[in-house]
């Protein structure tokens, strides 16, 4: 019996001495690219400071440039800030063109294009929901006005009735 306990204890001691397997760790690799993403982000910051007239001129200026992935992203950024739903849809389509492009420059811009396309899709959904809410609000206000008119008409009828006593 003592031998069994001694063997069991020595096995436990030996098992405790073994090295624990290390849990796999996830590593995030930062991709260093030579793309002009920093320039595009700075350009977007400049666009946000422009007036609507300046944005219109900037879009016209960009339309005159030769087509390329960076120019297309710039055009999409400018179109997205005009506050026109049609321009926002155009901006999203421009970004989808960049994501479909297989050139080296476009490959470097795809993460930014995907981010912006998602953002623009969200903006369109919010604008659509705001439009629906506005329509519903107008309809509700119209119904309230109709009910108020009916109430006033009933009050007028009540006032014209002879006072009936008990």
N, C-alpha and C. Protein backbone atom coordinates (compact mmCIF):
# COMPACT_ATOMS: atom_id res chain seq x y z
N UNK A 1 0.81 -1.17 0.00
CA UNK A 1 0.00 0.00 0.00
C UNK A 1 0.87 1.25 0.00
N UNK A 2 1.93 1.22 0.83
CA UNK A 2 2.84 2.36 0.87
C UNK A 2 3.52 2.52 -0.48
N UNK A 3 3.83 1.41 -1.11
CA UNK A 3 4.49 1.48 -2.41
C UNK A 3 3.58 2.14 -3.45
N UNK A 4 2.30 1.81 -3.39
CA UNK A 4 1.35 2.40 -4.35
C UNK A 4 1.24 3.91 -4.13
N UNK A 5 1.20 4.30 -2.86
CA UNK A 5 1.10 5.73 -2.55
C UNK A 5 2.37 6.44 -2.98
N UNK A 6 3.52 5.80 -2.74
CA UNK A 6 4.80 6.38 -3.12
C UNK A 6 4.90 6.52 -4.64
N UNK A 7 4.45 5.50 -5.37
CA UNK A 7 4.49 5.55 -6.84
C UNK A 7 3.55 6.64 -7.35
N UNK A 8 2.37 6.70 -6.76
CA UNK A 8 1.39 7.71 -7.17
C UNK A 8 1.91 9.12 -6.89
N UNK A 9 2.52 9.33 -5.75
CA UNK A 9 3.07 10.64 -5.39
C UNK A 9 4.20 11.02 -6.32
N UNK A 10 5.08 10.06 -6.65
CA UNK A 10 6.20 10.38 -7.54
C UNK A 10 5.69 10.69 -8.95
N UNK A 11 4.64 10.02 -9.39
CA UNK A 11 4.05 10.32 -10.71
C UNK A 11 3.48 11.73 -10.73
N UNK A 12 2.84 12.10 -9.62
CA UNK A 12 2.26 13.44 -9.55
C UNK A 12 3.34 14.51 -9.54
N UNK A 13 4.45 14.23 -8.84
CA UNK A 13 5.55 15.19 -8.80
C UNK A 13 6.15 15.32 -10.18
N UNK A 14 6.34 14.21 -10.87
CA UNK A 14 6.91 14.27 -12.22
C UNK A 14 5.96 14.97 -13.19
N UNK A 15 4.67 14.74 -13.04
CA UNK A 15 3.70 15.39 -13.92
C UNK A 15 3.68 16.89 -13.69
N UNK A 16 3.89 17.31 -12.46
CA UNK A 16 3.89 18.73 -12.15
C UNK A 16 5.12 19.43 -12.71
N UNK A 17 6.18 18.67 -12.95
CA UNK A 17 7.42 19.27 -13.44
C UNK A 17 7.41 19.48 -14.95
N UNK A 18 6.48 18.86 -15.64
CA UNK A 18 6.49 19.02 -17.10
C UNK A 18 6.09 20.44 -17.46
N UNK A 19 6.60 20.89 -18.57
CA UNK A 19 6.32 22.25 -19.03
C UNK A 19 4.91 22.31 -19.61
N UNK A 20 4.22 23.37 -19.25
CA UNK A 20 2.87 23.58 -19.78
C UNK A 20 2.99 24.04 -21.23
N UNK A 21 2.18 23.49 -22.10
CA UNK A 21 2.23 23.98 -23.48
C UNK A 21 1.71 25.42 -23.53
N UNK A 22 2.41 26.23 -24.26
CA UNK A 22 2.02 27.63 -24.32
C UNK A 22 0.79 27.77 -25.21
N UNK A 23 -0.12 28.58 -24.73
CA UNK A 23 -1.33 28.85 -25.50
C UNK A 23 -0.95 29.65 -26.74
N UNK A 24 -1.57 29.32 -27.84
CA UNK A 24 -1.25 30.09 -29.05
C UNK A 24 -1.69 31.54 -28.88
N UNK A 25 -0.83 32.42 -29.25
CA UNK A 25 -1.15 33.84 -29.14
C UNK A 25 -1.41 34.38 -30.54
N UNK A 26 -2.36 35.25 -30.60
CA UNK A 26 -2.64 35.85 -31.90
C UNK A 26 -1.77 37.10 -32.03
N UNK A 27 -1.21 37.25 -33.16
CA UNK A 27 -0.38 38.42 -33.40
C UNK A 27 -1.01 39.24 -34.51
N UNK A 28 -0.94 40.51 -34.35
CA UNK A 28 -1.44 41.42 -35.36
C UNK A 28 -0.23 41.96 -36.11
N UNK A 29 -0.27 41.76 -37.39
CA UNK A 29 0.83 42.26 -38.19
C UNK A 29 0.43 43.59 -38.80
N UNK A 30 1.27 44.56 -38.59
CA UNK A 30 1.04 45.85 -39.21
C UNK A 30 1.61 45.81 -40.61
N UNK A 31 0.82 46.19 -41.53
CA UNK A 31 1.26 46.17 -42.92
C UNK A 31 1.78 47.56 -43.26
N UNK A 32 3.02 47.60 -43.62
CA UNK A 32 3.61 48.85 -44.04
C UNK A 32 3.46 48.94 -45.56
N UNK A 33 2.73 49.90 -45.99
CA UNK A 33 2.55 50.03 -47.43
C UNK A 33 3.07 51.38 -47.88
N UNK A 34 3.43 51.42 -49.11
CA UNK A 34 3.95 52.67 -49.66
C UNK A 34 2.83 53.44 -50.35
N UNK A 35 1.59 53.10 -50.02
CA UNK A 35 0.48 53.82 -50.65
C UNK A 35 0.35 55.20 -50.03
N UNK A 36 -0.50 55.97 -50.62
CA UNK A 36 -0.67 57.34 -50.15
C UNK A 36 -1.91 57.47 -49.29
N UNK A 37 -2.14 56.52 -48.41
CA UNK A 37 -3.32 56.55 -47.54
C UNK A 37 -3.26 57.75 -46.61
N UNK A 38 -2.08 58.04 -46.08
CA UNK A 38 -1.96 59.22 -45.21
C UNK A 38 -2.33 60.50 -45.95
N UNK A 39 -1.90 60.59 -47.21
CA UNK A 39 -2.24 61.76 -48.02
C UNK A 39 -3.75 61.84 -48.25
N UNK A 40 -4.36 60.68 -48.49
CA UNK A 40 -5.80 60.65 -48.73
C UNK A 40 -6.58 61.05 -47.47
N UNK A 41 -6.11 60.61 -46.32
CA UNK A 41 -6.77 60.99 -45.07
C UNK A 41 -6.63 62.49 -44.81
N UNK A 42 -5.47 63.03 -45.10
CA UNK A 42 -5.27 64.48 -44.96
C UNK A 42 -6.16 65.24 -45.95
N UNK A 43 -6.28 64.70 -47.16
CA UNK A 43 -7.14 65.30 -48.18
C UNK A 43 -8.60 65.31 -47.70
N UNK A 44 -9.02 64.21 -47.10
CA UNK A 44 -10.39 64.13 -46.59
C UNK A 44 -10.62 65.18 -45.50
N UNK A 45 -9.63 65.39 -44.66
CA UNK A 45 -9.75 66.42 -43.62
C UNK A 45 -9.89 67.81 -44.25
N UNK A 46 -9.16 68.06 -45.34
CA UNK A 46 -9.29 69.34 -46.04
C UNK A 46 -10.68 69.49 -46.66
N UNK A 47 -11.19 68.39 -47.23
CA UNK A 47 -12.51 68.44 -47.86
C UNK A 47 -13.59 68.80 -46.85
N UNK A 48 -13.46 68.29 -45.63
CA UNK A 48 -14.47 68.53 -44.61
C UNK A 48 -14.56 70.01 -44.23
N UNK A 49 -13.51 70.75 -44.49
CA UNK A 49 -13.49 72.18 -44.15
C UNK A 49 -14.04 73.05 -45.28
N UNK A 50 -14.30 72.44 -46.45
CA UNK A 50 -14.74 73.22 -47.61
C UNK A 50 -16.23 73.52 -47.57
N UNK A 51 -16.57 74.64 -48.18
CA UNK A 51 -17.99 75.01 -48.33
C UNK A 51 -18.59 74.17 -49.46
N UNK A 52 -19.91 74.13 -49.57
CA UNK A 52 -20.52 73.37 -50.67
C UNK A 52 -20.07 73.84 -52.05
N UNK A 53 -19.89 75.14 -52.23
CA UNK A 53 -19.43 75.65 -53.53
C UNK A 53 -18.01 75.16 -53.82
N UNK A 54 -17.16 75.20 -52.81
CA UNK A 54 -15.78 74.73 -52.99
C UNK A 54 -15.76 73.23 -53.29
N UNK A 55 -16.64 72.48 -52.63
CA UNK A 55 -16.71 71.04 -52.90
C UNK A 55 -17.12 70.78 -54.35
N UNK A 56 -18.07 71.56 -54.84
CA UNK A 56 -18.50 71.41 -56.24
C UNK A 56 -17.35 71.67 -57.20
N UNK A 57 -16.58 72.71 -56.93
CA UNK A 57 -15.42 73.00 -57.78
C UNK A 57 -14.38 71.89 -57.69
N UNK A 58 -14.20 71.34 -56.48
CA UNK A 58 -13.23 70.27 -56.29
C UNK A 58 -13.65 69.01 -57.05
N UNK A 59 -14.93 68.70 -57.04
CA UNK A 59 -15.42 67.54 -57.80
C UNK A 59 -15.17 67.75 -59.29
N UNK A 60 -15.45 68.96 -59.78
CA UNK A 60 -15.19 69.26 -61.20
C UNK A 60 -13.71 69.13 -61.52
N UNK A 61 -12.87 69.61 -60.62
CA UNK A 61 -11.42 69.52 -60.83
C UNK A 61 -10.98 68.06 -60.88
N UNK A 62 -11.53 67.23 -59.98
CA UNK A 62 -11.16 65.82 -59.94
C UNK A 62 -11.67 65.07 -61.17
N UNK A 63 -12.80 65.50 -61.71
CA UNK A 63 -13.32 64.85 -62.91
C UNK A 63 -12.41 65.08 -64.11
N UNK A 64 -11.62 66.15 -64.08
CA UNK A 64 -10.70 66.44 -65.17
C UNK A 64 -9.42 65.62 -65.07
N UNK A 65 -9.14 65.05 -63.91
CA UNK A 65 -7.92 64.27 -63.72
C UNK A 65 -8.05 62.92 -64.42
N UNK A 66 -6.90 62.34 -64.81
CA UNK A 66 -6.96 60.99 -65.38
C UNK A 66 -7.41 59.98 -64.32
N UNK A 67 -8.15 59.00 -64.78
CA UNK A 67 -8.71 58.01 -63.84
C UNK A 67 -7.59 57.14 -63.28
N UNK A 68 -7.59 56.98 -61.99
CA UNK A 68 -6.67 56.11 -61.28
C UNK A 68 -7.28 55.80 -59.93
N UNK A 69 -6.81 54.78 -59.26
CA UNK A 69 -7.42 54.41 -57.98
C UNK A 69 -7.39 55.55 -56.95
N UNK A 70 -6.27 56.24 -56.83
CA UNK A 70 -6.18 57.32 -55.84
C UNK A 70 -7.12 58.47 -56.20
N UNK A 71 -7.18 58.82 -57.47
CA UNK A 71 -8.08 59.88 -57.92
C UNK A 71 -9.53 59.47 -57.71
N UNK A 72 -9.83 58.21 -57.95
CA UNK A 72 -11.19 57.72 -57.76
C UNK A 72 -11.59 57.80 -56.30
N UNK A 73 -10.68 57.45 -55.40
CA UNK A 73 -10.97 57.54 -53.97
C UNK A 73 -11.16 59.01 -53.58
N UNK A 74 -10.33 59.89 -54.11
CA UNK A 74 -10.47 61.32 -53.82
C UNK A 74 -11.84 61.82 -54.30
N UNK A 75 -12.22 61.41 -55.52
CA UNK A 75 -13.51 61.83 -56.06
C UNK A 75 -14.66 61.32 -55.18
N UNK A 76 -14.54 60.08 -54.73
CA UNK A 76 -15.57 59.50 -53.86
C UNK A 76 -15.65 60.28 -52.55
N UNK A 77 -14.51 60.65 -52.00
CA UNK A 77 -14.51 61.43 -50.76
C UNK A 77 -15.22 62.77 -50.96
N UNK A 78 -14.92 63.43 -52.07
CA UNK A 78 -15.54 64.73 -52.34
C UNK A 78 -17.04 64.58 -52.58
N UNK A 79 -17.43 63.57 -53.34
CA UNK A 79 -18.86 63.36 -53.62
C UNK A 79 -19.64 63.05 -52.35
N UNK A 80 -19.01 62.36 -51.43
CA UNK A 80 -19.72 61.95 -50.21
C UNK A 80 -20.07 63.13 -49.32
N UNK A 81 -19.38 64.23 -49.48
CA UNK A 81 -19.58 65.37 -48.59
C UNK A 81 -20.53 66.43 -49.15
N UNK A 82 -21.09 66.19 -50.34
CA UNK A 82 -21.98 67.19 -50.95
C UNK A 82 -23.37 67.19 -50.34
N UNK A 83 -23.67 66.21 -49.52
CA UNK A 83 -24.97 66.06 -48.85
C UNK A 83 -26.10 65.81 -49.84
N UNK A 84 -25.76 65.23 -50.97
CA UNK A 84 -26.75 64.85 -51.98
C UNK A 84 -26.81 63.33 -52.01
N UNK A 85 -27.99 62.73 -51.84
CA UNK A 85 -28.06 61.26 -51.82
C UNK A 85 -27.56 60.62 -53.12
N UNK A 86 -27.76 61.30 -54.23
CA UNK A 86 -27.29 60.75 -55.51
C UNK A 86 -25.77 60.75 -55.54
N UNK A 87 -25.16 61.83 -55.06
CA UNK A 87 -23.70 61.89 -55.01
C UNK A 87 -23.13 60.85 -54.06
N UNK A 88 -23.83 60.59 -52.96
CA UNK A 88 -23.38 59.58 -52.01
C UNK A 88 -23.40 58.20 -52.66
N UNK A 89 -24.44 57.91 -53.44
CA UNK A 89 -24.51 56.64 -54.17
C UNK A 89 -23.39 56.56 -55.21
N UNK A 90 -23.10 57.68 -55.87
CA UNK A 90 -22.00 57.71 -56.84
C UNK A 90 -20.67 57.45 -56.14
N UNK A 91 -20.49 58.05 -54.97
CA UNK A 91 -19.25 57.86 -54.22
C UNK A 91 -19.07 56.40 -53.86
N UNK A 92 -20.14 55.77 -53.42
CA UNK A 92 -20.06 54.35 -53.07
C UNK A 92 -19.72 53.51 -54.30
N UNK A 93 -20.32 53.84 -55.45
CA UNK A 93 -20.03 53.11 -56.68
C UNK A 93 -18.56 53.29 -57.09
N UNK A 94 -18.04 54.50 -56.90
CA UNK A 94 -16.63 54.76 -57.22
C UNK A 94 -15.72 53.86 -56.38
N UNK A 95 -16.06 53.72 -55.11
CA UNK A 95 -15.24 52.88 -54.23
C UNK A 95 -15.34 51.41 -54.62
N UNK A 96 -16.51 50.98 -55.05
CA UNK A 96 -16.64 49.59 -55.51
C UNK A 96 -15.77 49.36 -56.75
N UNK A 97 -15.63 50.39 -57.60
CA UNK A 97 -14.74 50.27 -58.76
C UNK A 97 -13.29 50.09 -58.31
N UNK A 98 -12.89 50.81 -57.28
CA UNK A 98 -11.52 50.67 -56.76
C UNK A 98 -11.33 49.26 -56.20
N UNK A 99 -12.33 48.76 -55.49
CA UNK A 99 -12.20 47.42 -54.90
C UNK A 99 -12.18 46.33 -55.97
N UNK A 100 -12.78 46.59 -57.13
CA UNK A 100 -12.77 45.60 -58.21
C UNK A 100 -11.48 45.67 -59.03
N UNK A 101 -10.76 46.77 -58.93
CA UNK A 101 -9.52 46.96 -59.68
C UNK A 101 -8.44 46.03 -59.14
N UNK A 102 -7.66 45.45 -60.02
CA UNK A 102 -6.61 44.50 -59.62
C UNK A 102 -5.20 45.10 -59.72
N UNK A 103 -5.09 46.39 -59.94
CA UNK A 103 -3.76 46.99 -60.04
C UNK A 103 -3.10 47.05 -58.67
N UNK A 104 -1.79 47.23 -58.68
CA UNK A 104 -1.02 47.27 -57.43
C UNK A 104 -1.46 48.45 -56.57
N UNK A 105 -1.65 49.60 -57.20
CA UNK A 105 -2.07 50.79 -56.44
C UNK A 105 -3.45 50.58 -55.82
N UNK A 106 -4.35 49.97 -56.57
CA UNK A 106 -5.70 49.72 -56.05
C UNK A 106 -5.67 48.72 -54.91
N UNK A 107 -4.81 47.72 -55.00
CA UNK A 107 -4.70 46.72 -53.93
C UNK A 107 -4.30 47.39 -52.62
N UNK A 108 -3.43 48.38 -52.71
CA UNK A 108 -2.99 49.09 -51.50
C UNK A 108 -4.10 49.97 -50.93
N UNK A 109 -5.01 50.41 -51.78
CA UNK A 109 -6.08 51.30 -51.33
C UNK A 109 -7.36 50.56 -50.94
N UNK A 110 -7.41 49.26 -51.17
CA UNK A 110 -8.64 48.50 -50.92
C UNK A 110 -9.12 48.57 -49.47
N UNK A 111 -8.24 48.47 -48.46
CA UNK A 111 -8.75 48.57 -47.09
C UNK A 111 -9.45 49.91 -46.82
N UNK A 112 -8.86 50.99 -47.31
CA UNK A 112 -9.48 52.30 -47.14
C UNK A 112 -10.79 52.38 -47.92
N UNK A 113 -10.78 51.85 -49.14
CA UNK A 113 -12.00 51.87 -49.96
C UNK A 113 -13.11 51.06 -49.30
N UNK A 114 -12.77 49.92 -48.72
CA UNK A 114 -13.77 49.11 -48.04
C UNK A 114 -14.34 49.84 -46.82
N UNK A 115 -13.47 50.48 -46.08
CA UNK A 115 -13.91 51.24 -44.90
C UNK A 115 -14.85 52.37 -45.31
N UNK A 116 -14.44 53.12 -46.32
CA UNK A 116 -15.27 54.24 -46.77
C UNK A 116 -16.59 53.76 -47.37
N UNK A 117 -16.55 52.68 -48.15
CA UNK A 117 -17.79 52.16 -48.75
C UNK A 117 -18.77 51.73 -47.67
N UNK A 118 -18.27 51.09 -46.64
CA UNK A 118 -19.13 50.71 -45.52
C UNK A 118 -19.71 51.92 -44.82
N UNK A 119 -18.87 52.92 -44.64
CA UNK A 119 -19.32 54.16 -43.99
C UNK A 119 -20.39 54.85 -44.84
N UNK A 120 -20.17 54.91 -46.14
CA UNK A 120 -21.13 55.57 -47.02
C UNK A 120 -22.44 54.79 -47.09
N UNK A 121 -22.36 53.47 -47.05
CA UNK A 121 -23.59 52.66 -47.03
C UNK A 121 -24.38 52.94 -45.75
N UNK A 122 -23.67 53.06 -44.64
CA UNK A 122 -24.33 53.40 -43.38
C UNK A 122 -24.98 54.78 -43.45
N UNK A 123 -24.28 55.73 -44.05
CA UNK A 123 -24.83 57.07 -44.20
C UNK A 123 -26.10 57.05 -45.04
N UNK A 124 -26.09 56.26 -46.11
CA UNK A 124 -27.28 56.17 -46.96
C UNK A 124 -28.45 55.56 -46.19
N UNK A 125 -28.17 54.51 -45.39
CA UNK A 125 -29.24 53.90 -44.60
C UNK A 125 -29.81 54.90 -43.59
N UNK A 126 -28.94 55.65 -42.96
CA UNK A 126 -29.40 56.66 -41.99
C UNK A 126 -30.24 57.72 -42.70
N UNK A 127 -29.78 58.16 -43.86
CA UNK A 127 -30.54 59.17 -44.61
C UNK A 127 -31.90 58.62 -45.04
N UNK A 128 -31.93 57.37 -45.48
CA UNK A 128 -33.20 56.75 -45.86
C UNK A 128 -34.14 56.65 -44.67
N UNK A 129 -33.60 56.25 -43.52
CA UNK A 129 -34.43 56.15 -42.32
C UNK A 129 -34.93 57.53 -41.88
N UNK A 130 -34.08 58.54 -42.01
CA UNK A 130 -34.50 59.90 -41.66
C UNK A 130 -35.61 60.37 -42.59
N UNK A 131 -35.50 60.03 -43.86
CA UNK A 131 -36.54 60.41 -44.82
C UNK A 131 -37.86 59.72 -44.49
N UNK A 132 -37.79 58.42 -44.17
CA UNK A 132 -39.00 57.68 -43.80
C UNK A 132 -39.62 58.28 -42.54
N UNK A 133 -38.78 58.60 -41.57
CA UNK A 133 -39.28 59.20 -40.33
C UNK A 133 -39.93 60.55 -40.60
N UNK A 134 -39.35 61.31 -41.49
CA UNK A 134 -39.90 62.62 -41.83
C UNK A 134 -41.28 62.46 -42.48
N UNK A 135 -41.40 61.50 -43.38
CA UNK A 135 -42.69 61.25 -44.03
C UNK A 135 -43.72 60.81 -42.99
N UNK A 136 -43.32 59.93 -42.09
CA UNK A 136 -44.24 59.46 -41.06
C UNK A 136 -44.65 60.60 -40.13
N UNK A 137 -43.71 61.47 -39.80
CA UNK A 137 -44.02 62.62 -38.95
C UNK A 137 -45.02 63.55 -39.63
N UNK A 138 -44.80 63.81 -40.92
CA UNK A 138 -45.73 64.68 -41.65
C UNK A 138 -47.12 64.06 -41.71
N UNK A 139 -47.18 62.76 -41.93
CA UNK A 139 -48.48 62.07 -41.97
C UNK A 139 -49.16 62.13 -40.61
N UNK A 140 -48.41 61.90 -39.55
CA UNK A 140 -48.98 61.97 -38.20
C UNK A 140 -49.45 63.39 -37.90
N UNK A 141 -48.69 64.39 -38.30
CA UNK A 141 -49.09 65.78 -38.08
C UNK A 141 -50.36 66.10 -38.85
N UNK A 142 -50.47 65.59 -40.07
CA UNK A 142 -51.67 65.80 -40.87
C UNK A 142 -52.89 65.20 -40.17
N UNK A 143 -52.73 63.98 -39.63
CA UNK A 143 -53.83 63.33 -38.92
C UNK A 143 -54.21 64.10 -37.66
N UNK A 144 -53.22 64.60 -36.94
CA UNK A 144 -53.49 65.40 -35.74
C UNK A 144 -54.27 66.65 -36.12
N UNK A 145 -53.86 67.30 -37.21
CA UNK A 145 -54.57 68.50 -37.66
C UNK A 145 -56.02 68.18 -38.03
N UNK A 146 -56.23 67.05 -38.71
CA UNK A 146 -57.59 66.64 -39.07
C UNK A 146 -58.43 66.39 -37.81
N UNK A 147 -57.85 65.71 -36.85
CA UNK A 147 -58.58 65.44 -35.61
C UNK A 147 -58.89 66.72 -34.85
N UNK A 148 -57.95 67.66 -34.85
CA UNK A 148 -58.20 68.96 -34.20
C UNK A 148 -59.34 69.70 -34.89
N UNK A 149 -59.36 69.64 -36.23
CA UNK A 149 -60.45 70.28 -36.97
C UNK A 149 -61.80 69.65 -36.61
N UNK A 150 -61.84 68.32 -36.53
CA UNK A 150 -63.08 67.63 -36.16
C UNK A 150 -63.50 68.00 -34.74
N UNK A 151 -62.52 68.08 -33.85
CA UNK A 151 -62.83 68.44 -32.47
C UNK A 151 -63.40 69.85 -32.39
N UNK A 152 -62.81 70.78 -33.12
CA UNK A 152 -63.31 72.15 -33.14
C UNK A 152 -64.72 72.20 -33.73
N UNK A 153 -64.96 71.41 -34.76
CA UNK A 153 -66.31 71.38 -35.36
C UNK A 153 -67.32 70.84 -34.35
N UNK A 154 -66.94 69.82 -33.62
CA UNK A 154 -67.84 69.27 -32.60
C UNK A 154 -68.09 70.29 -31.48
N UNK A 155 -67.04 71.02 -31.11
CA UNK A 155 -67.21 72.06 -30.08
C UNK A 155 -68.18 73.14 -30.57
N UNK A 156 -68.07 73.52 -31.84
CA UNK A 156 -68.97 74.53 -32.40
C UNK A 156 -70.41 74.02 -32.42
N UNK A 157 -70.58 72.77 -32.78
CA UNK A 157 -71.93 72.19 -32.78
C UNK A 157 -72.48 72.19 -31.36
N UNK A 158 -71.64 71.83 -30.41
CA UNK A 158 -72.08 71.78 -29.02
C UNK A 158 -72.49 73.17 -28.53
N UNK A 159 -71.76 74.19 -28.94
CA UNK A 159 -72.06 75.56 -28.52
C UNK A 159 -73.39 76.05 -29.12
N UNK A 160 -73.70 75.59 -30.31
CA UNK A 160 -74.93 76.06 -30.96
C UNK A 160 -76.17 75.33 -30.48
N UNK A 161 -76.00 74.23 -29.81
CA UNK A 161 -77.15 73.50 -29.29
C UNK A 161 -77.80 74.29 -28.16
N UNK A 162 -79.11 74.24 -28.09
CA UNK A 162 -79.76 74.93 -26.97
C UNK A 162 -79.40 74.26 -25.66
N UNK A 163 -79.28 75.04 -24.67
CA UNK A 163 -78.91 74.52 -23.35
C UNK A 163 -80.09 73.73 -22.81
N UNK A 164 -79.93 72.49 -22.73
CA UNK A 164 -81.00 71.63 -22.23
C UNK A 164 -80.84 71.45 -20.73
N UNK A 165 -81.85 71.56 -20.03
CA UNK A 165 -81.75 71.44 -18.59
C UNK A 165 -82.14 70.07 -18.11
N UNK A 166 -82.04 69.94 -16.85
CA UNK A 166 -82.40 68.68 -16.23
C UNK A 166 -83.85 68.66 -15.90
